Amino acid sequence: TVEDGRLYFLQTRAAKRTPLAALRIAV
């Protein structure tokens, strides 16, 4: 979220990805 020009990180998680993306990301 950005509040009046200030950046806040709310959450992160391992990205859900397509099988093809999983292959390329792993390599």
mmCIF file of all heavy atoms, coordinates in Angstrom:
data_MODEL
# 
_entry.id   MODEL 
# 
loop_
_atom_site.group_PDB 
_atom_site.id 
_atom_site.type_symbol 
_atom_site.label_atom_id 
_atom_site.label_alt_id 
_atom_site.label_comp_id 
_atom_site.label_asym_id 
_atom_site.label_entity_id 
_atom_site.label_seq_id 
_atom_site.pdbx_PDB_ins_code 
_atom_site.Cartn_x 
_atom_site.Cartn_y 
_atom_site.Cartn_z 
_atom_site.occupancy 
_atom_site.B_iso_or_equiv 
_atom_site.pdbx_formal_charge 
_atom_site.auth_seq_id 
_atom_site.auth_comp_id 
_atom_site.auth_asym_id 
_atom_site.auth_atom_id 
_atom_site.pdbx_PDB_model_num 
ATOM 1   N N   . THR A 1 1  ? 0.856  -1.192  0.000   1.00 0.00 ? 1  THR A N   1 
ATOM 2   C CA  . THR A 1 1  ? 0.000  0.000   0.000   1.00 0.00 ? 1  THR A CA  1 
ATOM 3   C C   . THR A 1 1  ? 0.889  1.239   0.000   1.00 0.00 ? 1  THR A C   1 
ATOM 4   O O   . THR A 1 1  ? 1.946  1.252   0.636   1.00 0.00 ? 1  THR A O   1 
ATOM 5   C CB  . THR A 1 1  ? -0.927 0.000   1.233   1.00 0.00 ? 1  THR A CB  1 
ATOM 6   O OG1 . THR A 1 1  ? -1.906 -1.031  1.087   1.00 0.00 ? 1  THR A OG1 1 
ATOM 7   C CG2 . THR A 1 1  ? -1.652 1.335   1.389   1.00 0.00 ? 1  THR A CG2 1 
ATOM 8   N N   . VAL A 1 2  ? 0.448  2.255   -0.706  1.00 0.00 ? 2  VAL A N   1 
ATOM 9   C CA  . VAL A 1 2  ? 1.112  3.557   -0.686  1.00 0.00 ? 2  VAL A CA  1 
ATOM 10  C C   . VAL A 1 2  ? 0.159  4.557   -0.052  1.00 0.00 ? 2  VAL A C   1 
ATOM 11  O O   . VAL A 1 2  ? -0.967 4.729   -0.524  1.00 0.00 ? 2  VAL A O   1 
ATOM 12  C CB  . VAL A 1 2  ? 1.498  4.021   -2.107  1.00 0.00 ? 2  VAL A CB  1 
ATOM 13  C CG1 . VAL A 1 2  ? 2.204  5.372   -2.053  1.00 0.00 ? 2  VAL A CG1 1 
ATOM 14  C CG2 . VAL A 1 2  ? 2.367  2.981   -2.806  1.00 0.00 ? 2  VAL A CG2 1 
ATOM 15  N N   . GLU A 1 3  ? 0.588  5.174   1.053   1.00 0.00 ? 3  GLU A N   1 
ATOM 16  C CA  . GLU A 1 3  ? -0.220 6.191   1.728   1.00 0.00 ? 3  GLU A CA  1 
ATOM 17  C C   . GLU A 1 3  ? 0.493  7.526   1.623   1.00 0.00 ? 3  GLU A C   1 
ATOM 18  O O   . GLU A 1 3  ? 1.553  7.722   2.219   1.00 0.00 ? 3  GLU A O   1 
ATOM 19  C CB  . GLU A 1 3  ? -0.446 5.817   3.192   1.00 0.00 ? 3  GLU A CB  1 
ATOM 20  C CG  . GLU A 1 3  ? -1.309 6.843   3.940   1.00 0.00 ? 3  GLU A CG  1 
ATOM 21  C CD  . GLU A 1 3  ? -1.490 6.481   5.403   1.00 0.00 ? 3  GLU A CD  1 
ATOM 22  O OE1 . GLU A 1 3  ? -2.411 5.703   5.697   1.00 0.00 ? 3  GLU A OE1 1 
ATOM 23  O OE2 . GLU A 1 3  ? -0.700 6.969   6.235   1.00 0.00 ? 3  GLU A OE2 1 
ATOM 24  N N   . ASP A 1 4  ? -0.079 8.415   0.834   1.00 0.00 ? 4  ASP A N   1 
ATOM 25  C CA  . ASP A 1 4  ? 0.472  9.758   0.649   1.00 0.00 ? 4  ASP A CA  1 
ATOM 26  C C   . ASP A 1 4  ? 1.973  9.710   0.331   1.00 0.00 ? 4  ASP A C   1 
ATOM 27  O O   . ASP A 1 4  ? 2.781  10.424  0.923   1.00 0.00 ? 4  ASP A O   1 
ATOM 28  C CB  . ASP A 1 4  ? 0.224  10.614  1.888   1.00 0.00 ? 4  ASP A CB  1 
ATOM 29  C CG  . ASP A 1 4  ? 0.429  12.106  1.596   1.00 0.00 ? 4  ASP A CG  1 
ATOM 30  O OD1 . ASP A 1 4  ? 0.313  12.508  0.416   1.00 0.00 ? 4  ASP A OD1 1 
ATOM 31  O OD2 . ASP A 1 4  ? 0.724  12.860  2.539   1.00 0.00 ? 4  ASP A OD2 1 
ATOM 32  N N   . GLY A 1 5  ? 2.335  8.853   -0.615  1.00 0.00 ? 5  GLY A N   1 
ATOM 33  C CA  . GLY A 1 5  ? 3.711  8.772   -1.082  1.00 0.00 ? 5  GLY A CA  1 
ATOM 34  C C   . GLY A 1 5  ? 4.631  7.899   -0.255  1.00 0.00 ? 5  GLY A C   1 
ATOM 35  O O   . GLY A 1 5  ? 5.820  7.782   -0.582  1.00 0.00 ? 5  GLY A O   1 
ATOM 36  N N   . ARG A 1 6  ? 4.131  7.256   0.801   1.00 0.00 ? 6  ARG A N   1 
ATOM 37  C CA  . ARG A 1 6  ? 4.954  6.375   1.632   1.00 0.00 ? 6  ARG A CA  1 
ATOM 38  C C   . ARG A 1 6  ? 4.569  4.922   1.373   1.00 0.00 ? 6  ARG A C   1 
ATOM 39  O O   . ARG A 1 6  ? 3.386  4.566   1.429   1.00 0.00 ? 6  ARG A O   1 
ATOM 40  C CB  . ARG A 1 6  ? 4.784  6.707   3.109   1.00 0.00 ? 6  ARG A CB  1 
ATOM 41  C CG  . ARG A 1 6  ? 5.653  5.847   4.026   1.00 0.00 ? 6  ARG A CG  1 
ATOM 42  C CD  . ARG A 1 6  ? 5.529  6.300   5.479   1.00 0.00 ? 6  ARG A CD  1 
ATOM 43  N NE  . ARG A 1 6  ? 6.320  5.461   6.364   1.00 0.00 ? 6  ARG A NE  1 
ATOM 44  C CZ  . ARG A 1 6  ? 6.389  5.612   7.693   1.00 0.00 ? 6  ARG A CZ  1 
ATOM 45  N NH1 . ARG A 1 6  ? 5.710  6.606   8.279   1.00 0.00 ? 6  ARG A NH1 1 
ATOM 46  N NH2 . ARG A 1 6  ? 7.118  4.795   8.436   1.00 0.00 ? 6  ARG A NH2 1 
ATOM 47  N N   . LEU A 1 7  ? 5.569  4.091   1.101   1.00 0.00 ? 7  LEU A N   1 
ATOM 48  C CA  . LEU A 1 7  ? 5.362  2.693   0.736   1.00 0.00 ? 7  LEU A CA  1 
ATOM 49  C C   . LEU A 1 7  ? 5.355  1.807   1.974   1.00 0.00 ? 7  LEU A C   1 
ATOM 50  O O   . LEU A 1 7  ? 6.257  1.873   2.806   1.00 0.00 ? 7  LEU A O   1 
ATOM 51  C CB  . LEU A 1 7  ? 6.472  2.240   -0.224  1.00 0.00 ? 7  LEU A CB  1 
ATOM 52  C CG  . LEU A 1 7  ? 6.530  0.758   -0.604  1.00 0.00 ? 7  LEU A CG  1 
ATOM 53  C CD1 . LEU A 1 7  ? 5.292  0.349   -1.397  1.00 0.00 ? 7  LEU A CD1 1 
ATOM 54  C CD2 . LEU A 1 7  ? 7.804  0.469   -1.405  1.00 0.00 ? 7  LEU A CD2 1 
ATOM 55  N N   . TYR A 1 8  ? 4.327  0.948   2.068   1.00 0.00 ? 8  TYR A N   1 
ATOM 56  C CA  . TYR A 1 8  ? 4.247  -0.058  3.130   1.00 0.00 ? 8  TYR A CA  1 
ATOM 57  C C   . TYR A 1 8  ? 4.107  -1.447  2.491   1.00 0.00 ? 8  TYR A C   1 
ATOM 58  O O   . TYR A 1 8  ? 3.322  -1.628  1.552   1.00 0.00 ? 8  TYR A O   1 
ATOM 59  C CB  . TYR A 1 8  ? 3.020  0.178   4.026   1.00 0.00 ? 8  TYR A CB  1 
ATOM 60  C CG  . TYR A 1 8  ? 3.075  1.435   4.849   1.00 0.00 ? 8  TYR A CG  1 
ATOM 61  C CD1 . TYR A 1 8  ? 2.562  2.632   4.357   1.00 0.00 ? 8  TYR A CD1 1 
ATOM 62  C CD2 . TYR A 1 8  ? 3.616  1.427   6.128   1.00 0.00 ? 8  TYR A CD2 1 
ATOM 63  C CE1 . TYR A 1 8  ? 2.587  3.791   5.120   1.00 0.00 ? 8  TYR A CE1 1 
ATOM 64  C CE2 . TYR A 1 8  ? 3.650  2.581   6.899   1.00 0.00 ? 8  TYR A CE2 1 
ATOM 65  C CZ  . TYR A 1 8  ? 3.135  3.756   6.389   1.00 0.00 ? 8  TYR A CZ  1 
ATOM 66  O OH  . TYR A 1 8  ? 3.158  4.907   7.147   1.00 0.00 ? 8  TYR A OH  1 
ATOM 67  N N   . PHE A 1 9  ? 4.830  -2.416  3.041   1.00 0.00 ? 9  PHE A N   1 
ATOM 68  C CA  . PHE A 1 9  ? 4.710  -3.804  2.600   1.00 0.00 ? 9  PHE A CA  1 
ATOM 69  C C   . PHE A 1 9  ? 3.763  -4.530  3.554   1.00 0.00 ? 9  PHE A C   1 
ATOM 70  O O   . PHE A 1 9  ? 3.980  -4.548  4.766   1.00 0.00 ? 9  PHE A O   1 
ATOM 71  C CB  . PHE A 1 9  ? 6.085  -4.483  2.590   1.00 0.00 ? 9  PHE A CB  1 
ATOM 72  C CG  . PHE A 1 9  ? 7.006  -3.938  1.529   1.00 0.00 ? 9  PHE A CG  1 
ATOM 73  C CD1 . PHE A 1 9  ? 7.831  -2.861  1.801   1.00 0.00 ? 9  PHE A CD1 1 
ATOM 74  C CD2 . PHE A 1 9  ? 7.024  -4.493  0.259   1.00 0.00 ? 9  PHE A CD2 1 
ATOM 75  C CE1 . PHE A 1 9  ? 8.680  -2.345  0.821   1.00 0.00 ? 9  PHE A CE1 1 
ATOM 76  C CE2 . PHE A 1 9  ? 7.858  -3.983  -0.725  1.00 0.00 ? 9  PHE A CE2 1 
ATOM 77  C CZ  . PHE A 1 9  ? 8.686  -2.916  -0.445  1.00 0.00 ? 9  PHE A CZ  1 
ATOM 78  N N   . LEU A 1 10 ? 2.701  -5.125  2.994   1.00 0.00 ? 10 LEU A N   1 
ATOM 79  C CA  . LEU A 1 10 ? 1.670  -5.752  3.819   1.00 0.00 ? 10 LEU A CA  1 
ATOM 80  C C   . LEU A 1 10 ? 1.843  -7.257  3.946   1.00 0.00 ? 10 LEU A C   1 
ATOM 81  O O   . LEU A 1 10 ? 1.533  -7.835  4.985   1.00 0.00 ? 10 LEU A O   1 
ATOM 82  C CB  . LEU A 1 10 ? 0.277  -5.456  3.250   1.00 0.00 ? 10 LEU A CB  1 
ATOM 83  C CG  . LEU A 1 10 ? -0.118 -3.987  3.133   1.00 0.00 ? 10 LEU A CG  1 
ATOM 84  C CD1 . LEU A 1 10 ? -1.570 -3.876  2.701   1.00 0.00 ? 10 LEU A CD1 1 
ATOM 85  C CD2 . LEU A 1 10 ? 0.091  -3.256  4.446   1.00 0.00 ? 10 LEU A CD2 1 
ATOM 86  N N   . GLN A 1 11 ? 2.267  -7.919  2.897   1.00 0.00 ? 11 GLN A N   1 
ATOM 87  C CA  . GLN A 1 11 ? 2.474  -9.360  2.983   1.00 0.00 ? 11 GLN A CA  1 
ATOM 88  C C   . GLN A 1 11 ? 3.287  -9.842  1.782   1.00 0.00 ? 11 GLN A C   1 
ATOM 89  O O   . GLN A 1 11 ? 3.369  -9.165  0.754   1.00 0.00 ? 11 GLN A O   1 
ATOM 90  C CB  . GLN A 1 11 ? 1.156  -10.121 3.047   1.00 0.00 ? 11 GLN A CB  1 
ATOM 91  C CG  . GLN A 1 11 ? 0.383  -10.187 1.740   1.00 0.00 ? 11 GLN A CG  1 
ATOM 92  C CD  . GLN A 1 11 ? -0.813 -11.129 1.829   1.00 0.00 ? 11 GLN A CD  1 
ATOM 93  O OE1 . GLN A 1 11 ? -1.787 -10.852 2.510   1.00 0.00 ? 11 GLN A OE1 1 
ATOM 94  N NE2 . GLN A 1 11 ? -0.737 -12.241 1.142   1.00 0.00 ? 11 GLN A NE2 1 
ATOM 95  N N   . THR A 1 12 ? 3.895  -10.999 1.946   1.00 0.00 ? 12 THR A N   1 
ATOM 96  C CA  . THR A 1 12 ? 4.570  -11.658 0.834   1.00 0.00 ? 12 THR A CA  1 
ATOM 97  C C   . THR A 1 12 ? 4.373  -13.156 0.979   1.00 0.00 ? 12 THR A C   1 
ATOM 98  O O   . THR A 1 12 ? 4.176  -13.671 2.084   1.00 0.00 ? 12 THR A O   1 
ATOM 99  C CB  . THR A 1 12 ? 6.071  -11.313 0.787   1.00 0.00 ? 12 THR A CB  1 
ATOM 100 O OG1 . THR A 1 12 ? 6.634  -11.818 -0.423  1.00 0.00 ? 12 THR A OG1 1 
ATOM 101 C CG2 . THR A 1 12 ? 6.826  -11.903 1.973   1.00 0.00 ? 12 THR A CG2 1 
ATOM 102 N N   . ARG A 1 13 ? 4.390  -13.837 -0.133  1.00 0.00 ? 13 ARG A N   1 
ATOM 103 C CA  . ARG A 1 13 ? 4.282  -15.297 -0.138  1.00 0.00 ? 13 ARG A CA  1 
ATOM 104 C C   . ARG A 1 13 ? 4.939  -15.810 -1.405  1.00 0.00 ? 13 ARG A C   1 
ATOM 105 O O   . ARG A 1 13 ? 5.126  -15.048 -2.370  1.00 0.00 ? 13 ARG A O   1 
ATOM 106 C CB  . ARG A 1 13 ? 2.818  -15.740 -0.086  1.00 0.00 ? 13 ARG A CB  1 
ATOM 107 C CG  . ARG A 1 13 ? 1.973  -15.199 -1.212  1.00 0.00 ? 13 ARG A CG  1 
ATOM 108 C CD  . ARG A 1 13 ? 0.509  -15.584 -1.052  1.00 0.00 ? 13 ARG A CD  1 
ATOM 109 N NE  . ARG A 1 13 ? -0.337 -14.755 -1.898  1.00 0.00 ? 13 ARG A NE  1 
ATOM 110 C CZ  . ARG A 1 13 ? -1.500 -14.246 -1.543  1.00 0.00 ? 13 ARG A CZ  1 
ATOM 111 N NH1 . ARG A 1 13 ? -1.979 -14.467 -0.352  1.00 0.00 ? 13 ARG A NH1 1 
ATOM 112 N NH2 . ARG A 1 13 ? -2.205 -13.503 -2.366  1.00 0.00 ? 13 ARG A NH2 1 
ATOM 113 N N   . ALA A 1 14 ? 5.271  -17.084 -1.404  1.00 0.00 ? 14 ALA A N   1 
ATOM 114 C CA  . ALA A 1 14 ? 5.794  -17.693 -2.620  1.00 0.00 ? 14 ALA A CA  1 
ATOM 115 C C   . ALA A 1 14 ? 4.748  -17.543 -3.718  1.00 0.00 ? 14 ALA A C   1 
ATOM 116 O O   . ALA A 1 14 ? 3.569  -17.841 -3.520  1.00 0.00 ? 14 ALA A O   1 
ATOM 117 C CB  . ALA A 1 14 ? 6.114  -19.165 -2.386  1.00 0.00 ? 14 ALA A CB  1 
ATOM 118 N N   . ALA A 1 15 ? 5.162  -17.058 -4.874  1.00 0.00 ? 15 ALA A N   1 
ATOM 119 C CA  . ALA A 1 15 ? 4.221  -16.748 -5.952  1.00 0.00 ? 15 ALA A CA  1 
ATOM 120 C C   . ALA A 1 15 ? 3.600  -18.021 -6.510  1.00 0.00 ? 15 ALA A C   1 
ATOM 121 O O   . ALA A 1 15 ? 4.313  -18.977 -6.839  1.00 0.00 ? 15 ALA A O   1 
ATOM 122 C CB  . ALA A 1 15 ? 4.939  -15.991 -7.060  1.00 0.00 ? 15 ALA A CB  1 
ATOM 123 N N   . LYS A 1 16 ? 2.265  -18.038 -6.610  1.00 0.00 ? 16 LYS A N   1 
ATOM 124 C CA  . LYS A 1 16 ? 1.599  -19.091 -7.365  1.00 0.00 ? 16 LYS A CA  1 
ATOM 125 C C   . LYS A 1 16 ? 1.937  -18.859 -8.830  1.00 0.00 ? 16 LYS A C   1 
ATOM 126 O O   . LYS A 1 16 ? 1.894  -17.735 -9.316  1.00 0.00 ? 16 LYS A O   1 
ATOM 127 C CB  . LYS A 1 16 ? 0.086  -19.041 -7.151  1.00 0.00 ? 16 LYS A CB  1 
ATOM 128 C CG  . LYS A 1 16 ? -0.347 -19.115 -5.688  1.00 0.00 ? 16 LYS A CG  1 
ATOM 129 C CD  . LYS A 1 16 ? 0.056  -20.398 -5.028  1.00 0.00 ? 16 LYS A CD  1 
ATOM 130 C CE  . LYS A 1 16 ? -0.465 -20.464 -3.589  1.00 0.00 ? 16 LYS A CE  1 
ATOM 131 N NZ  . LYS A 1 16 ? 0.034  -21.654 -2.874  1.00 0.00 ? 16 LYS A NZ  1 
ATOM 132 N N   . ARG A 1 17 ? 2.256  -19.927 -9.551  1.00 0.00 ? 17 ARG A N   1 
ATOM 133 C CA  . ARG A 1 17 ? 2.760  -19.765 -10.916 1.00 0.00 ? 17 ARG A CA  1 
ATOM 134 C C   . ARG A 1 17 ? 2.271  -20.899 -11.793 1.00 0.00 ? 17 ARG A C   1 
ATOM 135 O O   . ARG A 1 17 ? 1.872  -21.960 -11.294 1.00 0.00 ? 17 ARG A O   1 
ATOM 136 C CB  . ARG A 1 17 ? 4.294  -19.739 -10.884 1.00 0.00 ? 17 ARG A CB  1 
ATOM 137 C CG  . ARG A 1 17 ? 4.914  -21.032 -10.367 1.00 0.00 ? 17 ARG A CG  1 
ATOM 138 C CD  . ARG A 1 17 ? 6.286  -20.854 -9.771  1.00 0.00 ? 17 ARG A CD  1 
ATOM 139 N NE  . ARG A 1 17 ? 6.226  -20.243 -8.446  1.00 0.00 ? 17 ARG A NE  1 
ATOM 140 C CZ  . ARG A 1 17 ? 7.272  -20.102 -7.637  1.00 0.00 ? 17 ARG A CZ  1 
ATOM 141 N NH1 . ARG A 1 17 ? 8.461  -20.520 -7.988  1.00 0.00 ? 17 ARG A NH1 1 
ATOM 142 N NH2 . ARG A 1 17 ? 7.136  -19.543 -6.463  1.00 0.00 ? 17 ARG A NH2 1 
ATOM 143 N N   . THR A 1 18 ? 2.285  -20.664 -13.088 1.00 0.00 ? 18 THR A N   1 
ATOM 144 C CA  . THR A 1 18 ? 1.931  -21.726 -14.020 1.00 0.00 ? 18 THR A CA  1 
ATOM 145 C C   . THR A 1 18 ? 3.021  -22.793 -13.996 1.00 0.00 ? 18 THR A C   1 
ATOM 146 O O   . THR A 1 18 ? 4.164  -22.536 -13.598 1.00 0.00 ? 18 THR A O   1 
ATOM 147 C CB  . THR A 1 18 ? 1.799  -21.183 -15.444 1.00 0.00 ? 18 THR A CB  1 
ATOM 148 O OG1 . THR A 1 18 ? 3.088  -20.713 -15.876 1.00 0.00 ? 18 THR A OG1 1 
ATOM 149 C CG2 . THR A 1 18 ? 0.789  -20.046 -15.532 1.00 0.00 ? 18 THR A CG2 1 
ATOM 150 N N   . PRO A 1 19 ? 2.712  -24.010 -14.432 1.00 0.00 ? 19 PRO A N   1 
ATOM 151 C CA  . PRO A 1 19 ? 3.754  -25.043 -14.497 1.00 0.00 ? 19 PRO A CA  1 
ATOM 152 C C   . PRO A 1 19 ? 4.951  -24.620 -15.349 1.00 0.00 ? 19 PRO A C   1 
ATOM 153 O O   . PRO A 1 19 ? 6.099  -24.892 -14.996 1.00 0.00 ? 19 PRO A O   1 
ATOM 154 C CB  . PRO A 1 19 ? 3.018  -26.243 -15.102 1.00 0.00 ? 19 PRO A CB  1 
ATOM 155 C CG  . PRO A 1 19 ? 1.592  -26.055 -14.668 1.00 0.00 ? 19 PRO A CG  1 
ATOM 156 C CD  . PRO A 1 19 ? 1.370  -24.576 -14.716 1.00 0.00 ? 19 PRO A CD  1 
ATOM 157 N N   . LEU A 1 20 ? 4.695  -23.946 -16.473 1.00 0.00 ? 20 LEU A N   1 
ATOM 158 C CA  . LEU A 1 20 ? 5.794  -23.484 -17.321 1.00 0.00 ? 20 LEU A CA  1 
ATOM 159 C C   . LEU A 1 20 ? 6.653  -22.459 -16.586 1.00 0.00 ? 20 LEU A C   1 
ATOM 160 O O   . LEU A 1 20 ? 7.894  -22.505 -16.637 1.00 0.00 ? 20 LEU A O   1 
ATOM 161 C CB  . LEU A 1 20 ? 5.244  -22.880 -18.614 1.00 0.00 ? 20 LEU A CB  1 
ATOM 162 C CG  . LEU A 1 20 ? 6.286  -22.308 -19.584 1.00 0.00 ? 20 LEU A CG  1 
ATOM 163 C CD1 . LEU A 1 20 ? 7.240  -23.400 -20.064 1.00 0.00 ? 20 LEU A CD1 1 
ATOM 164 C CD2 . LEU A 1 20 ? 5.592  -21.647 -20.781 1.00 0.00 ? 20 LEU A CD2 1 
ATOM 165 N N   . ALA A 1 21 ? 6.006  -21.532 -15.869 1.00 0.00 ? 21 ALA A N   1 
ATOM 166 C CA  . ALA A 1 21 ? 6.760  -20.545 -15.094 1.00 0.00 ? 21 ALA A CA  1 
ATOM 167 C C   . ALA A 1 21 ? 7.559  -21.225 -13.989 1.00 0.00 ? 21 ALA A C   1 
ATOM 168 O O   . ALA A 1 21 ? 8.699  -20.843 -13.708 1.00 0.00 ? 21 ALA A O   1 
ATOM 169 C CB  . ALA A 1 21 ? 5.810  -19.507 -14.503 1.00 0.00 ? 21 ALA A CB  1 
ATOM 170 N N   . ALA A 1 22 ? 6.975  -22.231 -13.350 1.00 0.00 ? 22 ALA A N   1 
ATOM 171 C CA  . ALA A 1 22 ? 7.694  -22.963 -12.299 1.00 0.00 ? 22 ALA A CA  1 
ATOM 172 C C   . ALA A 1 22 ? 8.980  -23.554 -12.848 1.00 0.00 ? 22 ALA A C   1 
ATOM 173 O O   . ALA A 1 22 ? 10.027 -23.521 -12.193 1.00 0.00 ? 22 ALA A O   1 
ATOM 174 C CB  . ALA A 1 22 ? 6.794  -24.054 -11.720 1.00 0.00 ? 22 ALA A CB  1 
ATOM 175 N N   . LEU A 1 23 ? 8.913  -24.105 -14.052 1.00 0.00 ? 23 LEU A N   1 
ATOM 176 C CA  . LEU A 1 23 ? 10.090 -24.699 -14.690 1.00 0.00 ? 23 LEU A CA  1 
ATOM 177 C C   . LEU A 1 23 ? 11.169 -23.643 -14.927 1.00 0.00 ? 23 LEU A C   1 
ATOM 178 O O   . LEU A 1 23 ? 12.339 -23.822 -14.546 1.00 0.00 ? 23 LEU A O   1 
ATOM 179 C CB  . LEU A 1 23 ? 9.665  -25.340 -16.011 1.00 0.00 ? 23 LEU A CB  1 
ATOM 180 C CG  . LEU A 1 23 ? 10.753 -25.968 -16.873 1.00 0.00 ? 23 LEU A CG  1 
ATOM 181 C CD1 . LEU A 1 23 ? 11.363 -27.171 -16.183 1.00 0.00 ? 23 LEU A CD1 1 
ATOM 182 C CD2 . LEU A 1 23 ? 10.177 -26.370 -18.235 1.00 0.00 ? 23 LEU A CD2 1 
ATOM 183 N N   . ARG A 1 24 ? 10.787 -22.536 -15.529 1.00 0.00 ? 24 ARG A N   1 
ATOM 184 C CA  . ARG A 1 24 ? 11.761 -21.491 -15.856 1.00 0.00 ? 24 ARG A CA  1 
ATOM 185 C C   . ARG A 1 24 ? 12.341 -20.843 -14.609 1.00 0.00 ? 24 ARG A C   1 
ATOM 186 O O   . ARG A 1 24 ? 13.540 -20.556 -14.537 1.00 0.00 ? 24 ARG A O   1 
ATOM 187 C CB  . ARG A 1 24 ? 11.092 -20.437 -16.744 1.00 0.00 ? 24 ARG A CB  1 
ATOM 188 C CG  . ARG A 1 24 ? 10.823 -20.949 -18.147 1.00 0.00 ? 24 ARG A CG  1 
ATOM 189 C CD  . ARG A 1 24 ? 10.086 -19.929 -18.990 1.00 0.00 ? 24 ARG A CD  1 
ATOM 190 N NE  . ARG A 1 24 ? 9.975  -20.406 -20.370 1.00 0.00 ? 24 ARG A NE  1 
ATOM 191 C CZ  . ARG A 1 24 ? 9.183  -19.860 -21.276 1.00 0.00 ? 24 ARG A CZ  1 
ATOM 192 N NH1 . ARG A 1 24 ? 8.428  -18.812 -20.961 1.00 0.00 ? 24 ARG A NH1 1 
ATOM 193 N NH2 . ARG A 1 24 ? 9.131  -20.344 -22.506 1.00 0.00 ? 24 ARG A NH2 1 
ATOM 194 N N   . ILE A 1 25 ? 11.493 -20.595 -13.602 1.00 0.00 ? 25 ILE A N   1 
ATOM 195 C CA  . ILE A 1 25 ? 11.969 -19.955 -12.376 1.00 0.00 ? 25 ILE A CA  1 
ATOM 196 C C   . ILE A 1 25 ? 12.962 -20.859 -11.662 1.00 0.00 ? 25 ILE A C   1 
ATOM 197 O O   . ILE A 1 25 ? 14.002 -20.396 -11.177 1.00 0.00 ? 25 ILE A O   1 
ATOM 198 C CB  . ILE A 1 25 ? 10.775 -19.577 -11.478 1.00 0.00 ? 25 ILE A CB  1 
ATOM 199 C CG1 . ILE A 1 25 ? 9.999  -18.403 -12.098 1.00 0.00 ? 25 ILE A CG1 1 
ATOM 200 C CG2 . ILE A 1 25 ? 11.240 -19.214 -10.071 1.00 0.00 ? 25 ILE A CG2 1 
ATOM 201 C CD1 . ILE A 1 25 ? 8.668  -18.119 -11.427 1.00 0.00 ? 25 ILE A CD1 1 
ATOM 202 N N   . ALA A 1 26 ? 12.665 -22.134 -11.579 1.00 0.00 ? 26 ALA A N   1 
ATOM 203 C CA  . ALA A 1 26 ? 13.579 -23.061 -10.904 1.00 0.00 ? 26 ALA A CA  1 
ATOM 204 C C   . ALA A 1 26 ? 14.948 -23.066 -11.573 1.00 0.00 ? 26 ALA A C   1 
ATOM 205 O O   . ALA A 1 26 ? 15.986 -23.008 -10.899 1.00 0.00 ? 26 ALA A O   1 
ATOM 206 C CB  . ALA A 1 26 ? 12.976 -24.465 -10.888 1.00 0.00 ? 26 ALA A CB  1 
ATOM 207 N N   . VAL A 1 27 ? 14.962 -23.127 -12.904 1.00 0.00 ? 27 VAL A N   1 
ATOM 208 C CA  . VAL A 1 27 ? 16.237 -23.134 -13.627 1.00 0.00 ? 27 VAL A CA  1 
ATOM 209 C C   . VAL A 1 27 ? 16.987 -21.814 -13.407 1.00 0.00 ? 27 VAL A C   1 
ATOM 210 O O   . VAL A 1 27 ? 18.196 -21.800 -13.138 1.00 0.00 ? 27 VAL A O   1 
ATOM 211 C CB  . VAL A 1 27 ? 15.994 -23.391 -15.131 1.00 0.00 ? 27 VAL A CB  1 
ATOM 212 C CG1 . VAL A 1 27 ? 17.271 -23.169 -15.936 1.00 0.00 ? 27 VAL A CG1 1 
ATOM 213 C CG2 . VAL A 1 27 ? 15.481 -24.812 -15.340 1.00 0.00 ? 27 VAL A CG2 1 
# 
